[in-house]
Each structure stands twice: as structure tokens, then as C-alpha cells.
Amino acid sequence: MRREHLDFLADTPLYTKRFAWYVGRRCRSSTVKDVAKELKLHWGAVKELDKDYMRVQLERAGTPGPKAIGIDEISIRKGHTYRIVVSDLVRGRPIWFGGEDRSEASMNAFYDWLGPKKTKGIRLAVMDMWKPFRTVTTTRAPQAAILFDKFHVVKHLNEALDKVRKEEYARLSGQDRRYIKGQKYVLLSRQENLTADGKQSLKALLAANERLNTAYLLKESFGQLWEYKSAAWARRFFENWKAGLAGQGLKPYEKFAEMIERHWDGIAAYCQPENKISLGFVEGLNNKIRVLQRRAYGLRDEEYLRLKVLTSMLPLI
């Protein structure tokens, strides 16, 4: 017996597309478990309806020809299991989620998917300082300027500051440790994000420890680097900043400075007017992905996570 296919039916049998779309919209802000409970459905049925909905979202959005891309990796489970996420920074949406890890082979998979014609249209590639991303992009999209994401650069600098904090805690003993103990968040946070108590704790910490005070001031001043419109002036600033490390005994900062030296071209590229693109989207996407991962926890369905990431910035249908 042949069954007629009706356009108003969802791909998942028994449910209309209208109902599938309703489920998909609800799953945009709630977990599968919560939506299943609300609608008195099995969670597996809700997940499949949500997947149907997201596939249509992607089909309607199409594959853009990006002019500026952001390349990042996310950890999908413990044990250093990574996937690569590539975003269209102009349109403000992820366009690719894939690979087996964060290797050159996985990065090449993105350019294979995008195709040579659209790859030639890329003018800017924003990434962290992971070598395989840079190597493959330079080979596959040689016309694109490489720009290292300042959020990742600052992350490395914060890690250097935290190493100094740990060194100071290990060096001191007894009551001398009291200003440092439990103050990692206070030291690494932006001042505008601190409470009144947090600002007071930071002030006491920096007054009590000269080495941490120096490290903190150096970290704060480094942000000026991205304000320059001339690569020559940015370089002059960096040379002066680096000179400020002399005689301070801040080994983690010296290693950070060496890393900046090795990747200078990708940092100085930010001075070019055509590269002044908002990078806040990348950080916002990373935060959104972490929320999606928490919501999808326990489902262990990578395709579901892939669809969630790729549709996270698309309009509802």
C-alpha cells in the first residue's frame, strides 16, 4: 500500500509541521526534557521534532559567501575532544561545525565544504594562535588577512597573571598569604564587573603585594594595544610595554611577550581600518555555546549539538 506524502506533515510521523515548528521554537529557550514534560511527549520525539525545525532553519538561511570569518574550537566532552566552529562575522552567525579535532585535516574540511569560489571571497580570518588554523588558512585562503582574536590574547595574559599569583602564594607564608588566598576572581576580573567588596579586596591585595601590583598594572595597560590605527605606533607601544618587564622577575609575562613576538603580524593586523570588525560576537557565541552544551547535557547526540550551534543566531520560523 502506497502512502501519500502530505506537505503539512513533519518529517517525524504523526506531527504536523505547525506543531514541529512550535516545538522547535520552545526548544530555543528550554531543554528537551522541560518541553517534553510540558507537552506530555517522549523526550526523543521532542528532540527529533526540534532537529526537523533546525534543518529547515538552515535550509532557508542558505550557505553565505563570507567576507570575514571567525575560527574557534569547542570542547564537546572531557578528554580534549574538539570540534571547529567557523562563523560569518559580518552576518553574525556560525556557518560550519565539524572536523574530528582541531588539526589541519579538520580545518581543511571547512574549506572543502565552502568550496574554492566562496573561499576566494574571504578577506579576513579571525582566530586564536593555534598553528593548524593559521597554516591551513594561509594555504587555502592566501588573500585573507590573519587576525588573532584579542579575547584569546587577553586570556593568555590572564593566565600569566594567575601564574604570578600562584608563585606569590607559594613564596609567602602565614599571614602574608591572607590577601592572596581566594582572590583569583578579583584579580582576573575587569574592575567594572567587580562588586564594591571586590574592588576593596583588589585594592588591599595590590597594596599588600608589590609584584602582583606591577603584574596587574602591566595587564591593564596592555589593552591599549588595540586602540592604535598605525602598526608602527602599536609596535612602539609593545616595545615600551616589554621594556617595562625588565628587572621585574615576571617570567610568565616574559613568556607571554615572546609569544606576542612570534605572532606579531596577526596582532598588528588589527590596526588596519578594513580589519576593524566587532569581535564581541565571537565571545558572545562562545558563551551561548556553553549554555547550549549544558542544555544538551546527557543527550550525547553530536548532530543535535551541531544543529543547535548553527541555528543559535538564526531567526525563528
C-alpha atoms as a PDB file:
ATOM      1  CA  MET A   1       0.000   0.000   0.000  1.00  0.00           C
ATOM      2  CA  ARG A   2       1.472   3.372  -1.005  1.00  0.00           C
ATOM      3  CA  ARG A   3       1.204   6.250   1.499  1.00  0.00           C
ATOM      4  CA  GLU A   4       0.694   9.723   0.085  1.00  0.00           C
ATOM      5  CA  HIS A   5       3.168  12.345   1.356  1.00  0.00           C
ATOM      6  CA  LEU A   6       1.361  15.407   2.648  1.00  0.00           C
ATOM      7  CA  ASP A   7       3.303  18.644   2.747  1.00  0.00           C
ATOM      8  CA  PHE A   8       1.761  19.714   6.025  1.00  0.00           C
ATOM      9  CA  LEU A   9       3.243  16.715   7.827  1.00  0.00           C
ATOM     10  CA  ALA A  10       6.584  16.996   9.588  1.00  0.00           C
ATOM     11  CA  ASP A  11       9.364  14.550   8.671  1.00  0.00           C
ATOM     12  CA  THR A  12       8.679  12.873  12.001  1.00  0.00           C
ATOM     13  CA  PRO A  13       5.414  10.899  11.526  1.00  0.00           C
ATOM     14  CA  LEU A  14       2.249  11.810  13.400  1.00  0.00           C
ATOM     15  CA  TYR A  15       3.027  15.504  13.851  1.00  0.00           C
ATOM     16  CA  THR A  16       2.149  18.481  11.652  1.00  0.00           C
ATOM     17  CA  LYS A  17       4.807  20.955  10.650  1.00  0.00           C
ATOM     18  CA  ARG A  18       2.984  23.635  12.568  1.00  0.00           C
ATOM     19  CA  PHE A  19       3.369  21.553  15.724  1.00  0.00           C
ATOM     20  CA  ALA A  20       7.019  20.752  14.909  1.00  0.00           C
ATOM     21  CA  TRP A  21       7.736  24.459  14.497  1.00  0.00           C
ATOM     22  CA  TYR A  22       6.072  25.171  17.835  1.00  0.00           C
ATOM     23  CA  VAL A  23       8.263  22.555  19.499  1.00  0.00           C
ATOM     24  CA  GLY A  24      11.353  23.978  17.790  1.00  0.00           C
ATOM     25  CA  ARG A  25      10.612  27.481  18.999  1.00  0.00           C
ATOM     26  CA  ARG A  26      10.033  26.239  22.543  1.00  0.00           C
ATOM     27  CA  CYS A  27      13.337  24.327  22.469  1.00  0.00           C
ATOM     28  CA  ARG A  28      15.130  27.562  21.614  1.00  0.00           C
ATOM     29  CA  SER A  29      14.756  28.677  25.239  1.00  0.00           C
ATOM     30  CA  SER A  30      14.060  25.430  27.133  1.00  0.00           C
ATOM     31  CA  THR A  31      15.595  21.990  27.483  1.00  0.00           C
ATOM     32  CA  VAL A  32      14.229  18.964  25.615  1.00  0.00           C
ATOM     33  CA  LYS A  33      13.292  17.454  28.963  1.00  0.00           C
ATOM     34  CA  ASP A  34      11.257  20.506  30.014  1.00  0.00           C
ATOM     35  CA  VAL A  35       9.454  20.767  26.674  1.00  0.00           C
ATOM     36  CA  ALA A  36       8.682  17.043  26.717  1.00  0.00           C
ATOM     37  CA  LYS A  37       7.196  17.376  30.198  1.00  0.00           C
ATOM     38  CA  GLU A  38       5.170  20.430  29.201  1.00  0.00           C
ATOM     39  CA  LEU A  39       3.714  18.779  26.077  1.00  0.00           C
ATOM     40  CA  LYS A  40       3.484  15.279  27.588  1.00  0.00           C
ATOM     41  CA  LEU A  41       5.707  13.777  24.898  1.00  0.00           C
ATOM     42  CA  HIS A  42       8.684  11.416  24.968  1.00  0.00           C
ATOM     43  CA  TRP A  43      11.928  13.422  25.053  1.00  0.00           C
ATOM     44  CA  GLY A  44      13.152  11.513  21.962  1.00  0.00           C
ATOM     45  CA  ALA A  45      10.160  12.719  19.949  1.00  0.00           C
ATOM     46  CA  VAL A  46      10.754  16.313  21.054  1.00  0.00           C
ATOM     47  CA  LYS A  47      14.403  16.137  20.068  1.00  0.00           C
ATOM     48  CA  GLU A  48      13.583  14.801  16.590  1.00  0.00           C
ATOM     49  CA  LEU A  49      10.949  17.492  16.045  1.00  0.00           C
ATOM     50  CA  ASP A  50      13.475  20.111  17.124  1.00  0.00           C
ATOM     51  CA  LYS A  51      16.009  18.691  14.659  1.00  0.00           C
ATOM     52  CA  ASP A  52      13.439  18.891  11.849  1.00  0.00           C
ATOM     53  CA  TYR A  53      12.824  22.516  12.746  1.00  0.00           C
ATOM     54  CA  MET A  54      16.517  23.435  12.807  1.00  0.00           C
ATOM     55  CA  ARG A  55      17.228  21.722   9.466  1.00  0.00           C
ATOM     56  CA  VAL A  56      14.573  23.896   7.849  1.00  0.00           C
ATOM     57  CA  GLN A  57      16.106  26.975   9.507  1.00  0.00           C
ATOM     58  CA  LEU A  58      19.467  26.124   7.938  1.00  0.00           C
ATOM     59  CA  GLU A  59      17.937  25.355   4.555  1.00  0.00           C
ATOM     60  CA  ARG A  60      16.200  28.735   4.490  1.00  0.00           C
ATOM     61  CA  ALA A  61      19.359  30.563   5.620  1.00  0.00           C
ATOM     62  CA  GLY A  62      21.485  29.037   2.861  1.00  0.00           C
ATOM     63  CA  THR A  63      25.279  28.986   2.673  1.00  0.00           C
ATOM     64  CA  PRO A  64      26.723  32.504   2.672  1.00  0.00           C
ATOM     65  CA  GLY A  65      29.874  33.633   0.906  1.00  0.00           C
ATOM     66  CA  PRO A  66      31.636  35.104   3.967  1.00  0.00           C
ATOM     67  CA  LYS A  67      33.960  38.091   3.720  1.00  0.00           C
ATOM     68  CA  ALA A  68      35.205  37.800   7.309  1.00  0.00           C
ATOM     69  CA  ILE A  69      35.298  34.542   9.258  1.00  0.00           C
ATOM     70  CA  GLY A  70      35.961  33.666  12.879  1.00  0.00           C
ATOM     71  CA  ILE A  71      37.584  30.299  13.585  1.00  0.00           C
ATOM     72  CA  ASP A  72      37.370  28.725  17.026  1.00  0.00           C
ATOM     73  CA  GLU A  73      37.297  25.317  18.666  1.00  0.00           C
ATOM     74  CA  ILE A  74      34.948  23.982  21.308  1.00  0.00           C
ATOM     75  CA  SER A  75      35.414  21.017  23.605  1.00  0.00           C
ATOM     76  CA  ILE A  76      32.454  18.665  23.218  1.00  0.00           C
ATOM     77  CA  ARG A  77      33.436  16.299  26.018  1.00  0.00           C
ATOM     78  CA  LYS A  78      36.191  15.638  28.523  1.00  0.00           C
ATOM     79  CA  GLY A  79      39.495  14.315  27.255  1.00  0.00           C
ATOM     80  CA  HIS A  80      40.362  17.092  24.786  1.00  0.00           C
ATOM     81  CA  THR A  81      37.734  16.151  22.193  1.00  0.00           C
ATOM     82  CA  TYR A  82      37.335  19.208  19.980  1.00  0.00           C
ATOM     83  CA  ARG A  83      35.238  20.408  17.076  1.00  0.00           C
ATOM     84  CA  ILE A  84      35.840  23.508  14.976  1.00  0.00           C
ATOM     85  CA  VAL A  85      33.243  26.272  14.681  1.00  0.00           C
ATOM     86  CA  VAL A  86      33.534  28.788  11.843  1.00  0.00           C
ATOM     87  CA  SER A  87      31.372  31.923  11.852  1.00  0.00           C
ATOM     88  CA  ASP A  88      30.474  34.603   9.350  1.00  0.00           C
ATOM     89  CA  LEU A  89      31.472  37.707  11.308  1.00  0.00           C
ATOM     90  CA  VAL A  90      29.652  40.139   9.026  1.00  0.00           C
ATOM     91  CA  ARG A  91      26.308  38.332   9.220  1.00  0.00           C
ATOM     92  CA  GLY A  92      26.902  37.360  12.841  1.00  0.00           C
ATOM     93  CA  ARG A  93      26.148  33.638  12.600  1.00  0.00           C
ATOM     94  CA  PRO A  94      28.008  30.313  12.783  1.00  0.00           C
ATOM     95  CA  ILE A  95      28.159  28.626   9.370  1.00  0.00           C
ATOM     96  CA  TRP A  96      30.159  25.426   9.984  1.00  0.00           C
ATOM     97  CA  PHE A  97      30.601  22.942  12.826  1.00  0.00           C
ATOM     98  CA  GLY A  98      32.770  19.921  12.193  1.00  0.00           C
ATOM     99  CA  GLY A  99      36.078  18.143  11.946  1.00  0.00           C
ATOM    100  CA  GLU A 100      37.337  15.322  14.109  1.00  0.00           C
ATOM    101  CA  ASP A 101      39.586  17.528  16.235  1.00  0.00           C
ATOM    102  CA  ARG A 102      41.409  20.842  15.720  1.00  0.00           C
ATOM    103  CA  SER A 103      44.029  19.506  13.315  1.00  0.00           C
ATOM    104  CA  GLU A 104      44.987  20.732   9.843  1.00  0.00           C
ATOM    105  CA  ALA A 105      42.878  17.938   8.319  1.00  0.00           C
ATOM    106  CA  SER A 106      39.810  19.131  10.206  1.00  0.00           C
ATOM    107  CA  MET A 107      40.446  22.756   9.249  1.00  0.00           C
ATOM    108  CA  ASN A 108      40.814  21.708   5.612  1.00  0.00           C
ATOM    109  CA  ALA A 109      37.383  20.063   5.849  1.00  0.00           C
ATOM    110  CA  PHE A 110      35.824  23.514   6.299  1.00  0.00           C
ATOM    111  CA  TYR A 111      37.419  24.919   3.150  1.00  0.00           C
ATOM    112  CA  ASP A 112      36.441  21.776   1.220  1.00  0.00           C
ATOM    113  CA  TRP A 113      32.840  22.364   2.336  1.00  0.00           C
ATOM    114  CA  LEU A 114      32.891  26.076   1.486  1.00  0.00           C
ATOM    115  CA  GLY A 115      34.400  25.488  -1.948  1.00  0.00           C
ATOM    116  CA  PRO A 116      37.145  27.410  -3.804  1.00  0.00           C
ATOM    117  CA  LYS A 117      34.861  30.135  -5.224  1.00  0.00           C
ATOM    118  CA  LYS A 118      33.499  31.283  -1.847  1.00  0.00           C
ATOM    119  CA  THR A 119      36.886  30.748  -0.179  1.00  0.00           C
ATOM    120  CA  LYS A 120      38.389  33.322  -2.555  1.00  0.00           C
ATOM    121  CA  GLY A 121      35.915  35.870  -1.197  1.00  0.00           C
ATOM    122  CA  ILE A 122      37.310  35.706   2.349  1.00  0.00           C
ATOM    123  CA  ARG A 123      39.188  38.900   3.174  1.00  0.00           C
ATOM    124  CA  LEU A 124      39.735  38.444   6.916  1.00  0.00           C
ATOM    125  CA  ALA A 125      40.149  35.385   9.166  1.00  0.00           C
ATOM    126  CA  VAL A 126      39.997  35.896  12.930  1.00  0.00           C
ATOM    127  CA  MET A 127      41.352  33.056  15.064  1.00  0.00           C
ATOM    128  CA  ASP A 128      43.329  32.165  18.142  1.00  0.00           C
ATOM    129  CA  MET A 129      47.038  31.460  17.850  1.00  0.00           C
ATOM    130  CA  TRP A 130      46.602  27.729  17.182  1.00  0.00           C
ATOM    131  CA  LYS A 131      49.102  26.937  14.392  1.00  0.00           C
ATOM    132  CA  PRO A 132      46.979  24.480  12.313  1.00  0.00           C
ATOM    133  CA  PHE A 133      44.255  27.133  11.860  1.00  0.00           C
ATOM    134  CA  ARG A 134      46.773  29.671  10.625  1.00  0.00           C
ATOM    135  CA  THR A 135      48.702  27.225   8.417  1.00  0.00           C
ATOM    136  CA  VAL A 136      45.634  25.922   6.588  1.00  0.00           C
ATOM    137  CA  THR A 137      44.025  29.344   6.175  1.00  0.00           C
ATOM    138  CA  THR A 138      47.231  30.829   4.781  1.00  0.00           C
ATOM    139  CA  THR A 139      47.369  27.972   2.267  1.00  0.00           C
ATOM    140  CA  ARG A 140      43.705  27.760   1.291  1.00  0.00           C
ATOM    141  CA  ALA A 141      42.813  31.473   1.518  1.00  0.00           C
ATOM    142  CA  PRO A 142      46.125  33.298   0.921  1.00  0.00           C
ATOM    143  CA  GLN A 143      44.309  36.552   0.101  1.00  0.00           C
ATOM    144  CA  ALA A 144      42.830  36.733   3.622  1.00  0.00           C
ATOM    145  CA  ALA A 145      44.430  38.807   6.372  1.00  0.00           C
ATOM    146  CA  ILE A 146      45.049  36.806   9.561  1.00  0.00           C
ATOM    147  CA  LEU A 147      43.926  38.490  12.770  1.00  0.00           C
ATOM    148  CA  PHE A 148      44.428  36.928  16.182  1.00  0.00           C
ATOM    149  CA  ASP A 149      41.361  37.275  18.367  1.00  0.00           C
ATOM    150  CA  LYS A 150      42.146  39.732  21.149  1.00  0.00           C
ATOM    151  CA  PHE A 151      39.975  37.769  23.595  1.00  0.00           C
ATOM    152  CA  HIS A 152      42.313  34.794  23.237  1.00  0.00           C
ATOM    153  CA  VAL A 153      45.363  37.047  23.566  1.00  0.00           C
ATOM    154  CA  VAL A 154      43.964  38.542  26.780  1.00  0.00           C
ATOM    155  CA  LYS A 155      43.184  35.021  28.004  1.00  0.00           C
ATOM    156  CA  HIS A 156      46.889  34.159  27.691  1.00  0.00           C
ATOM    157  CA  LEU A 157      47.791  37.337  29.577  1.00  0.00           C
ATOM    158  CA  ASN A 158      45.314  36.493  32.349  1.00  0.00           C
ATOM    159  CA  GLU A 159      46.877  33.039  32.604  1.00  0.00           C
ATOM    160  CA  ALA A 160      50.294  34.689  33.003  1.00  0.00           C
ATOM    161  CA  LEU A 161      48.903  36.923  35.777  1.00  0.00           C
ATOM    162  CA  ASP A 162      47.416  33.898  37.528  1.00  0.00           C
ATOM    163  CA  LYS A 163      50.788  32.133  37.411  1.00  0.00           C
ATOM    164  CA  VAL A 164      52.337  35.158  39.126  1.00  0.00           C
ATOM    165  CA  ARG A 165      49.577  34.969  41.760  1.00  0.00           C
ATOM    166  CA  LYS A 166      50.349  31.285  42.384  1.00  0.00           C
ATOM    167  CA  GLU A 167      54.083  31.991  42.587  1.00  0.00           C
ATOM    168  CA  GLU A 168      53.485  34.696  45.172  1.00  0.00           C
ATOM    169  CA  TYR A 169      51.202  32.468  47.219  1.00  0.00           C
ATOM    170  CA  ALA A 170      53.852  29.711  47.198  1.00  0.00           C
ATOM    171  CA  ARG A 171      56.607  32.181  48.119  1.00  0.00           C
ATOM    172  CA  LEU A 172      54.778  33.674  51.095  1.00  0.00           C
ATOM    173  CA  SER A 173      53.614  32.006  54.286  1.00  0.00           C
ATOM    174  CA  GLY A 174      51.317  32.584  57.242  1.00  0.00           C
ATOM    175  CA  GLN A 175      49.531  35.915  57.494  1.00  0.00           C
ATOM    176  CA  ASP A 176      51.295  37.246  54.394  1.00  0.00           C
ATOM    177  CA  ARG A 177      49.112  34.938  52.295  1.00  0.00           C
ATOM    178  CA  ARG A 178      45.807  36.273  53.543  1.00  0.00           C
ATOM    179  CA  TYR A 179      45.439  38.961  50.880  1.00  0.00           C
ATOM    180  CA  ILE A 180      46.046  36.473  48.054  1.00  0.00           C
ATOM    181  CA  LYS A 181      44.039  33.473  49.227  1.00  0.00           C
ATOM    182  CA  GLY A 182      40.711  33.147  47.426  1.00  0.00           C
ATOM    183  CA  GLN A 183      41.264  36.281  45.329  1.00  0.00           C
ATOM    184  CA  LYS A 184      41.766  34.740  41.870  1.00  0.00           C
ATOM    185  CA  TYR A 185      38.426  36.018  40.541  1.00  0.00           C
ATOM    186  CA  VAL A 186      39.013  39.502  41.963  1.00  0.00           C
ATOM    187  CA  LEU A 187      42.451  39.722  40.370  1.00  0.00           C
ATOM    188  CA  LEU A 188      41.464  38.446  36.920  1.00  0.00           C
ATOM    189  CA  SER A 189      38.101  40.201  36.519  1.00  0.00           C
ATOM    190  CA  ARG A 190      37.563  43.551  34.879  1.00  0.00           C
ATOM    191  CA  GLN A 191      37.151  46.229  37.510  1.00  0.00           C
ATOM    192  CA  GLU A 192      33.745  47.263  36.172  1.00  0.00           C
ATOM    193  CA  ASN A 193      32.491  43.717  36.839  1.00  0.00           C
ATOM    194  CA  LEU A 194      33.536  43.736  40.495  1.00  0.00           C
ATOM    195  CA  THR A 195      31.228  44.489  43.414  1.00  0.00           C
ATOM    196  CA  ALA A 196      32.130  47.195  45.920  1.00  0.00           C
ATOM    197  CA  ASP A 197      33.573  44.495  48.210  1.00  0.00           C
ATOM    198  CA  GLY A 198      35.509  43.026  45.289  1.00  0.00           C
ATOM    199  CA  LYS A 199      37.052  46.393  44.445  1.00  0.00           C
ATOM    200  CA  GLN A 200      38.042  46.864  48.082  1.00  0.00           C
ATOM    201  CA  SER A 201      39.646  43.387  48.179  1.00  0.00           C
ATOM    202  CA  LEU A 202      41.558  44.145  44.971  1.00  0.00           C
ATOM    203  CA  LYS A 203      42.815  47.432  46.380  1.00  0.00           C
ATOM    204  CA  ALA A 204      44.028  45.712  49.566  1.00  0.00           C
ATOM    205  CA  LEU A 205      45.689  42.908  47.574  1.00  0.00           C
ATOM    206  CA  LEU A 206      47.603  45.275  45.267  1.00  0.00           C
ATOM    207  CA  ALA A 207      48.689  47.461  48.185  1.00  0.00           C
ATOM    208  CA  ALA A 208      49.997  44.425  50.076  1.00  0.00           C
ATOM    209  CA  ASN A 209      51.948  42.792  47.233  1.00  0.00           C
ATOM    210  CA  GLU A 210      54.226  44.892  45.032  1.00  0.00           C
ATOM    211  CA  ARG A 211      54.925  42.133  42.495  1.00  0.00           C
ATOM    212  CA  LEU A 212      51.238  41.440  41.918  1.00  0.00           C
ATOM    213  CA  ASN A 213      50.581  45.172  41.724  1.00  0.00           C
ATOM    214  CA  THR A 214      53.170  45.521  38.945  1.00  0.00           C
ATOM    215  CA  ALA A 215      51.788  42.488  37.089  1.00  0.00           C
ATOM    216  CA  TYR A 216      48.240  43.800  37.388  1.00  0.00           C
ATOM    217  CA  LEU A 217      49.139  47.268  36.069  1.00  0.00           C
ATOM    218  CA  LEU A 218      51.002  45.723  33.131  1.00  0.00           C
ATOM    219  CA  LYS A 219      47.987  43.587  32.312  1.00  0.00           C
ATOM    220  CA  GLU A 220      45.623  46.559  32.441  1.00  0.00           C
ATOM    221  CA  SER A 221      47.858  48.739  30.266  1.00  0.00           C
ATOM    222  CA  PHE A 222      48.250  46.054  27.584  1.00  0.00           C
ATOM    223  CA  GLY A 223      44.671  46.672  26.417  1.00  0.00           C
ATOM    224  CA  GLN A 224      45.836  49.947  24.885  1.00  0.00           C
ATOM    225  CA  LEU A 225      47.494  47.936  22.096  1.00  0.00           C
ATOM    226  CA  TRP A 226      44.213  47.550  20.188  1.00  0.00           C
ATOM    227  CA  GLU A 227      43.478  51.263  20.146  1.00  0.00           C
ATOM    228  CA  TYR A 228      46.215  52.127  17.641  1.00  0.00           C
ATOM    229  CA  LYS A 229      45.423  52.824  13.999  1.00  0.00           C
ATOM    230  CA  SER A 230      49.055  52.509  12.952  1.00  0.00           C
ATOM    231  CA  ALA A 231      51.048  49.272  13.136  1.00  0.00           C
ATOM    232  CA  ALA A 232      54.216  51.317  13.755  1.00  0.00           C
ATOM    233  CA  TRP A 233      52.693  53.035  16.798  1.00  0.00           C
ATOM    234  CA  ALA A 234      51.333  49.720  18.052  1.00  0.00           C
ATOM    235  CA  ARG A 235      54.824  48.260  17.767  1.00  0.00           C
ATOM    236  CA  ARG A 236      56.310  51.221  19.644  1.00  0.00           C
ATOM    237  CA  PHE A 237      53.776  50.711  22.420  1.00  0.00           C
ATOM    238  CA  PHE A 238      54.575  46.990  22.632  1.00  0.00           C
ATOM    239  CA  GLU A 239      58.323  47.662  22.791  1.00  0.00           C
ATOM    240  CA  ASN A 240      57.759  50.082  25.683  1.00  0.00           C
ATOM    241  CA  TRP A 241      55.450  47.607  27.414  1.00  0.00           C
ATOM    242  CA  LYS A 242      58.035  44.860  27.031  1.00  0.00           C
ATOM    243  CA  ALA A 243      60.766  47.163  28.370  1.00  0.00           C
ATOM    244  CA  GLY A 244      58.648  47.553  31.493  1.00  0.00           C
ATOM    245  CA  LEU A 245      59.240  43.868  32.259  1.00  0.00           C
ATOM    246  CA  ALA A 246      62.980  44.401  32.723  1.00  0.00           C
ATOM    247  CA  GLY A 247      64.136  43.587  36.235  1.00  0.00           C
ATOM    248  CA  GLN A 248      60.625  42.665  37.439  1.00  0.00           C
ATOM    249  CA  GLY A 249      61.247  38.914  37.543  1.00  0.00           C
ATOM    250  CA  LEU A 250      57.879  38.207  35.913  1.00  0.00           C
ATOM    251  CA  LYS A 251      58.809  35.054  33.981  1.00  0.00           C
ATOM    252  CA  PRO A 252      55.196  34.250  32.917  1.00  0.00           C
ATOM    253  CA  TYR A 253      54.962  37.747  31.400  1.00  0.00           C
ATOM    254  CA  GLU A 254      58.271  37.343  29.617  1.00  0.00           C
ATOM    255  CA  LYS A 255      56.974  34.123  28.021  1.00  0.00           C
ATOM    256  CA  PHE A 256      53.775  35.934  27.058  1.00  0.00           C
ATOM    257  CA  ALA A 257      55.816  38.696  25.402  1.00  0.00           C
ATOM    258  CA  GLU A 258      57.777  36.081  23.457  1.00  0.00           C
ATOM    259  CA  MET A 259      54.503  34.578  22.237  1.00  0.00           C
ATOM    260  CA  ILE A 260      53.321  38.016  21.079  1.00  0.00           C
ATOM    261  CA  GLU A 261      56.614  38.471  19.205  1.00  0.00           C
ATOM    262  CA  ARG A 262      56.091  35.183  17.351  1.00  0.00           C
ATOM    263  CA  HIS A 263      52.561  36.159  16.328  1.00  0.00           C
ATOM    264  CA  TRP A 264      53.031  39.892  15.844  1.00  0.00           C
ATOM    265  CA  ASP A 265      51.728  40.113  12.256  1.00  0.00           C
ATOM    266  CA  GLY A 266      48.382  38.626  13.282  1.00  0.00           C
ATOM    267  CA  ILE A 267      48.076  41.114  16.143  1.00  0.00           C
ATOM    268  CA  ALA A 268      49.243  44.210  14.271  1.00  0.00           C
ATOM    269  CA  ALA A 269      46.666  43.413  11.570  1.00  0.00           C
ATOM    270  CA  TYR A 270      44.031  44.835  13.931  1.00  0.00           C
ATOM    271  CA  CYS A 271      45.436  48.317  13.239  1.00  0.00           C
ATOM    272  CA  GLN A 272      44.267  48.221   9.632  1.00  0.00           C
ATOM    273  CA  PRO A 273      40.950  50.096   9.178  1.00  0.00           C
ATOM    274  CA  GLU A 274      39.486  47.330   6.985  1.00  0.00           C
ATOM    275  CA  ASN A 275      40.077  44.848   9.833  1.00  0.00           C
ATOM    276  CA  LYS A 276      38.235  46.879  12.479  1.00  0.00           C
ATOM    277  CA  ILE A 277      35.440  44.364  12.841  1.00  0.00           C
ATOM    278  CA  SER A 278      33.498  43.797  16.042  1.00  0.00           C
ATOM    279  CA  LEU A 279      34.972  40.792  17.808  1.00  0.00           C
ATOM    280  CA  GLY A 280      32.402  40.775  20.596  1.00  0.00           C
ATOM    281  CA  PHE A 281      30.301  38.373  18.528  1.00  0.00           C
ATOM    282  CA  VAL A 282      32.925  35.624  18.907  1.00  0.00           C
ATOM    283  CA  GLU A 283      32.923  35.908  22.693  1.00  0.00           C
ATOM    284  CA  GLY A 284      29.120  36.088  22.770  1.00  0.00           C
ATOM    285  CA  LEU A 285      28.864  32.970  20.621  1.00  0.00           C
ATOM    286  CA  ASN A 286      31.245  31.087  22.903  1.00  0.00           C
ATOM    287  CA  ASN A 287      29.057  31.944  25.898  1.00  0.00           C
ATOM    288  CA  LYS A 288      25.938  30.851  24.007  1.00  0.00           C
ATOM    289  CA  ILE A 289      27.559  27.538  23.027  1.00  0.00           C
ATOM    290  CA  ARG A 290      28.393  26.821  26.666  1.00  0.00           C
ATOM    291  CA  VAL A 291      24.706  27.331  27.541  1.00  0.00           C
ATOM    292  CA  LEU A 292      23.654  25.036  24.672  1.00  0.00           C
ATOM    293  CA  GLN A 293      26.067  22.364  25.855  1.00  0.00           C
ATOM    294  CA  ARG A 294      24.614  22.481  29.360  1.00  0.00           C
ATOM    295  CA  ARG A 295      21.078  22.193  27.990  1.00  0.00           C
ATOM    296  CA  ALA A 296      22.042  19.264  25.747  1.00  0.00           C
ATOM    297  CA  TYR A 297      23.954  17.518  28.533  1.00  0.00           C
ATOM    298  CA  GLY A 298      23.134  13.830  28.691  1.00  0.00           C
ATOM    299  CA  LEU A 299      21.712  13.576  25.156  1.00  0.00           C
ATOM    300  CA  ARG A 300      25.117  12.651  23.682  1.00  0.00           C
ATOM    301  CA  ASP A 301      23.931  13.480  20.188  1.00  0.00           C
ATOM    302  CA  GLU A 302      26.607  15.436  18.346  1.00  0.00           C
ATOM    303  CA  GLU A 303      24.343  16.131  15.383  1.00  0.00           C
ATOM    304  CA  TYR A 304      21.867  17.764  17.749  1.00  0.00           C
ATOM    305  CA  LEU A 305      24.620  19.973  19.193  1.00  0.00           C
ATOM    306  CA  ARG A 306      25.805  20.825  15.676  1.00  0.00           C
ATOM    307  CA  LEU A 307      22.324  21.963  14.664  1.00  0.00           C
ATOM    308  CA  LYS A 308      21.919  23.927  17.894  1.00  0.00           C
ATOM    309  CA  VAL A 309      25.183  25.804  17.307  1.00  0.00           C
ATOM    310  CA  LEU A 310      24.492  26.552  13.642  1.00  0.00           C
ATOM    311  CA  THR A 311      20.974  27.855  14.281  1.00  0.00           C
ATOM    312  CA  SER A 312      21.770  29.719  17.501  1.00  0.00           C
ATOM    313  CA  MET A 313      21.804  33.117  15.744  1.00  0.00           C
ATOM    314  CA  LEU A 314      19.130  32.465  13.098  1.00  0.00           C
ATOM    315  CA  PRO A 315      15.640  33.996  13.276  1.00  0.00           C
ATOM    316  CA  LEU A 316      12.694  31.872  14.356  1.00  0.00           C
ATOM    317  CA  ILE A 317      10.375  30.450  11.699  1.00  0.00           C
END
